[in-house]
Amino acid sequence: MSRGSAIPRLTVVHCPQWSVIAAGCAPDEAVAVVHANRVVARSVAAAASGVRTGHRRREAQARCPDLRIVADEPLV
């Protein structure tokens, strides 16, 4: 293969808690990232309390009363 015909490469990284990490939350804090009143990401502590992606905000708060809610800020 000649040097001028390099094959483009693509890397995909799956980080399901990226929104929680980007929000600057403590690793042991119960956090849910919410968009349109639905949980789109949650921390390990929130998951241990029963919070799941897809839950409505109130359902998540009922399962974990000390849950910190963070608004989703998608890249535009």
N, C-alpha and C. Protein backbone atom coordinates (compact mmCIF):
# COMPACT_ATOMS: atom_id res chain seq x y z
N MET A 1 0.85 -1.16 0.00
CA MET A 1 0.00 0.00 0.00
C MET A 1 0.91 1.23 0.00
N SER A 2 0.57 2.19 -0.83
CA SER A 2 1.38 3.40 -0.90
C SER A 2 1.02 4.33 0.25
N ARG A 3 1.89 5.25 0.55
CA ARG A 3 1.68 6.17 1.68
C ARG A 3 0.51 7.12 1.42
N GLY A 4 0.20 7.42 0.19
CA GLY A 4 -0.86 8.37 -0.13
C GLY A 4 -2.26 7.80 -0.01
N SER A 5 -2.40 6.50 0.14
CA SER A 5 -3.73 5.90 0.20
C SER A 5 -4.00 5.26 1.56
N ALA A 6 -3.73 5.99 2.61
CA ALA A 6 -3.96 5.47 3.96
C ALA A 6 -5.46 5.29 4.21
N ILE A 7 -5.78 4.24 4.89
CA ILE A 7 -7.17 3.94 5.22
C ILE A 7 -7.55 4.75 6.46
N PRO A 8 -8.66 5.51 6.39
CA PRO A 8 -9.08 6.26 7.58
C PRO A 8 -9.48 5.31 8.70
N ARG A 9 -9.18 5.70 9.91
CA ARG A 9 -9.50 4.86 11.07
C ARG A 9 -10.47 5.60 11.97
N LEU A 10 -11.29 4.84 12.63
CA LEU A 10 -12.31 5.40 13.50
C LEU A 10 -12.29 4.64 14.83
N THR A 11 -12.37 5.37 15.91
CA THR A 11 -12.43 4.76 17.23
C THR A 11 -13.74 5.17 17.89
N VAL A 12 -14.42 4.22 18.45
CA VAL A 12 -15.67 4.49 19.16
C VAL A 12 -15.45 4.14 20.64
N VAL A 13 -15.79 5.08 21.50
CA VAL A 13 -15.64 4.87 22.94
C VAL A 13 -17.02 4.94 23.58
N HIS A 14 -17.38 3.91 24.30
CA HIS A 14 -18.68 3.87 24.98
C HIS A 14 -18.47 4.22 26.45
N CYS A 15 -19.03 5.33 26.88
CA CYS A 15 -18.92 5.77 28.27
C CYS A 15 -20.31 6.17 28.74
N PRO A 16 -21.10 5.23 29.26
CA PRO A 16 -22.48 5.51 29.61
C PRO A 16 -22.66 6.56 30.71
N GLN A 17 -21.64 6.82 31.49
CA GLN A 17 -21.76 7.80 32.56
C GLN A 17 -21.10 9.13 32.21
N TRP A 18 -20.83 9.37 30.94
CA TRP A 18 -20.12 10.57 30.55
C TRP A 18 -20.84 11.84 31.01
N SER A 19 -22.14 11.89 30.91
CA SER A 19 -22.90 13.08 31.34
C SER A 19 -22.72 13.34 32.83
N VAL A 20 -22.65 12.29 33.61
CA VAL A 20 -22.45 12.43 35.06
C VAL A 20 -21.03 12.92 35.33
N ILE A 21 -20.06 12.37 34.63
CA ILE A 21 -18.67 12.77 34.80
C ILE A 21 -18.49 14.22 34.36
N ALA A 22 -19.06 14.58 33.23
CA ALA A 22 -18.94 15.94 32.70
C ALA A 22 -19.60 16.97 33.60
N ALA A 23 -20.59 16.58 34.37
CA ALA A 23 -21.27 17.49 35.29
C ALA A 23 -20.42 17.79 36.52
N GLY A 24 -19.31 17.07 36.68
CA GLY A 24 -18.40 17.31 37.79
C GLY A 24 -18.89 16.78 39.12
N CYS A 25 -19.66 15.73 39.09
CA CYS A 25 -20.22 15.15 40.32
C CYS A 25 -19.20 14.23 40.99
N ALA A 26 -19.31 14.11 42.30
CA ALA A 26 -18.44 13.21 43.05
C ALA A 26 -18.76 11.77 42.66
N PRO A 27 -17.74 10.91 42.63
CA PRO A 27 -17.95 9.51 42.21
C PRO A 27 -18.97 8.74 43.06
N ASP A 28 -19.07 9.08 44.34
CA ASP A 28 -19.98 8.35 45.21
C ASP A 28 -21.33 9.05 45.41
N GLU A 29 -21.58 10.10 44.65
CA GLU A 29 -22.83 10.87 44.77
C GLU A 29 -23.93 10.26 43.90
N ALA A 30 -25.15 10.23 44.42
CA ALA A 30 -26.30 9.75 43.65
C ALA A 30 -26.77 10.88 42.74
N VAL A 31 -26.56 10.71 41.44
CA VAL A 31 -26.85 11.75 40.45
C VAL A 31 -27.64 11.16 39.30
N ALA A 32 -28.61 11.92 38.80
CA ALA A 32 -29.34 11.55 37.59
C ALA A 32 -29.31 12.73 36.64
N VAL A 33 -28.97 12.46 35.39
CA VAL A 33 -29.01 13.48 34.34
C VAL A 33 -30.36 13.33 33.67
N VAL A 34 -31.10 14.45 33.59
CA VAL A 34 -32.48 14.42 33.11
C VAL A 34 -32.64 15.28 31.87
N HIS A 35 -33.34 14.73 30.88
CA HIS A 35 -33.71 15.45 29.66
C HIS A 35 -35.18 15.17 29.39
N ALA A 36 -35.97 16.21 29.18
CA ALA A 36 -37.41 16.08 28.91
C ALA A 36 -38.10 15.25 30.00
N ASN A 37 -37.69 15.51 31.26
CA ASN A 37 -38.30 14.88 32.43
C ASN A 37 -38.02 13.37 32.53
N ARG A 38 -37.02 12.88 31.81
CA ARG A 38 -36.63 11.46 31.86
C ARG A 38 -35.15 11.34 32.19
N VAL A 39 -34.80 10.31 32.95
CA VAL A 39 -33.41 10.04 33.28
C VAL A 39 -32.71 9.49 32.04
N VAL A 40 -31.64 10.16 31.62
CA VAL A 40 -30.88 9.70 30.46
C VAL A 40 -29.52 9.12 30.86
N ALA A 41 -29.08 9.41 32.09
CA ALA A 41 -27.84 8.84 32.63
C ALA A 41 -27.92 8.91 34.14
N ARG A 42 -27.20 7.99 34.81
CA ARG A 42 -27.19 8.02 36.27
C ARG A 42 -25.87 7.49 36.77
N SER A 43 -25.53 7.89 37.98
CA SER A 43 -24.28 7.45 38.58
C SER A 43 -24.44 6.03 39.13
N VAL A 44 -23.32 5.45 39.52
CA VAL A 44 -23.34 4.11 40.11
C VAL A 44 -24.15 4.12 41.40
N ALA A 45 -23.99 5.17 42.21
CA ALA A 45 -24.74 5.27 43.47
C ALA A 45 -26.25 5.36 43.22
N ALA A 46 -26.65 6.10 42.21
CA ALA A 46 -28.07 6.21 41.87
C ALA A 46 -28.60 4.86 41.37
N ALA A 47 -27.81 4.18 40.56
CA ALA A 47 -28.22 2.87 40.06
C ALA A 47 -28.39 1.88 41.21
N ALA A 48 -27.51 1.95 42.20
CA ALA A 48 -27.61 1.06 43.36
C ALA A 48 -28.88 1.33 44.17
N SER A 49 -29.41 2.54 44.07
CA SER A 49 -30.65 2.90 44.77
C SER A 49 -31.89 2.56 43.96
N GLY A 50 -31.71 2.03 42.75
CA GLY A 50 -32.84 1.63 41.93
C GLY A 50 -33.22 2.58 40.81
N VAL A 51 -32.44 3.64 40.63
CA VAL A 51 -32.72 4.60 39.55
C VAL A 51 -32.25 3.98 38.24
N ARG A 52 -33.10 4.03 37.23
CA ARG A 52 -32.79 3.46 35.92
C ARG A 52 -32.98 4.52 34.84
N THR A 53 -32.25 4.38 33.74
CA THR A 53 -32.48 5.28 32.61
C THR A 53 -33.89 5.03 32.09
N GLY A 54 -34.55 6.10 31.71
CA GLY A 54 -35.92 6.01 31.25
C GLY A 54 -36.95 6.35 32.32
N HIS A 55 -36.54 6.27 33.59
CA HIS A 55 -37.46 6.65 34.66
C HIS A 55 -37.84 8.12 34.52
N ARG A 56 -39.05 8.44 34.93
CA ARG A 56 -39.44 9.85 35.04
C ARG A 56 -38.70 10.43 36.25
N ARG A 57 -38.53 11.72 36.22
CA ARG A 57 -37.82 12.42 37.29
C ARG A 57 -38.39 12.08 38.67
N ARG A 58 -39.70 12.12 38.83
CA ARG A 58 -40.34 11.86 40.13
C ARG A 58 -40.14 10.41 40.58
N GLU A 59 -40.17 9.47 39.66
CA GLU A 59 -39.93 8.06 40.00
C GLU A 59 -38.50 7.90 40.52
N ALA A 60 -37.55 8.54 39.86
CA ALA A 60 -36.15 8.47 40.29
C ALA A 60 -35.99 9.07 41.68
N GLN A 61 -36.63 10.20 41.93
CA GLN A 61 -36.54 10.85 43.24
C GLN A 61 -37.24 10.02 44.32
N ALA A 62 -38.29 9.31 43.96
CA ALA A 62 -38.97 8.44 44.93
C ALA A 62 -38.07 7.27 45.32
N ARG A 63 -37.31 6.75 44.38
CA ARG A 63 -36.42 5.62 44.66
C ARG A 63 -35.17 6.04 45.43
N CYS A 64 -34.76 7.30 45.23
CA CYS A 64 -33.54 7.80 45.86
C CYS A 64 -33.79 9.24 46.31
N PRO A 65 -34.29 9.44 47.53
CA PRO A 65 -34.66 10.78 48.00
C PRO A 65 -33.52 11.80 48.00
N ASP A 66 -32.28 11.35 48.17
CA ASP A 66 -31.14 12.28 48.17
C ASP A 66 -30.52 12.45 46.78
N LEU A 67 -31.26 12.08 45.75
CA LEU A 67 -30.79 12.14 44.37
C LEU A 67 -30.56 13.59 43.93
N ARG A 68 -29.41 13.83 43.33
CA ARG A 68 -29.13 15.15 42.75
C ARG A 68 -29.52 15.10 41.28
N ILE A 69 -30.35 16.04 40.86
CA ILE A 69 -30.81 16.10 39.47
C ILE A 69 -29.95 17.11 38.71
N VAL A 70 -29.44 16.69 37.57
CA VAL A 70 -28.63 17.55 36.71
C VAL A 70 -29.30 17.61 35.35
N ALA A 71 -29.46 18.81 34.82
CA ALA A 71 -30.07 18.97 33.49
C ALA A 71 -29.09 18.52 32.42
N ASP A 72 -29.60 17.81 31.43
CA ASP A 72 -28.79 17.38 30.30
C ASP A 72 -28.45 18.59 29.45
N GLU A 73 -27.20 18.70 29.06
CA GLU A 73 -26.76 19.80 28.21
C GLU A 73 -26.11 19.21 26.96
N PRO A 74 -26.93 18.77 26.01
CA PRO A 74 -26.37 18.14 24.80
C PRO A 74 -25.56 19.14 23.98
N LEU A 75 -24.58 18.61 23.28
CA LEU A 75 -23.79 19.45 22.38
C LEU A 75 -24.64 19.80 21.18
N VAL A 76 -24.59 21.03 20.79
CA VAL A 76 -25.41 21.48 19.66
C VAL A 76 -24.54 21.66 18.45
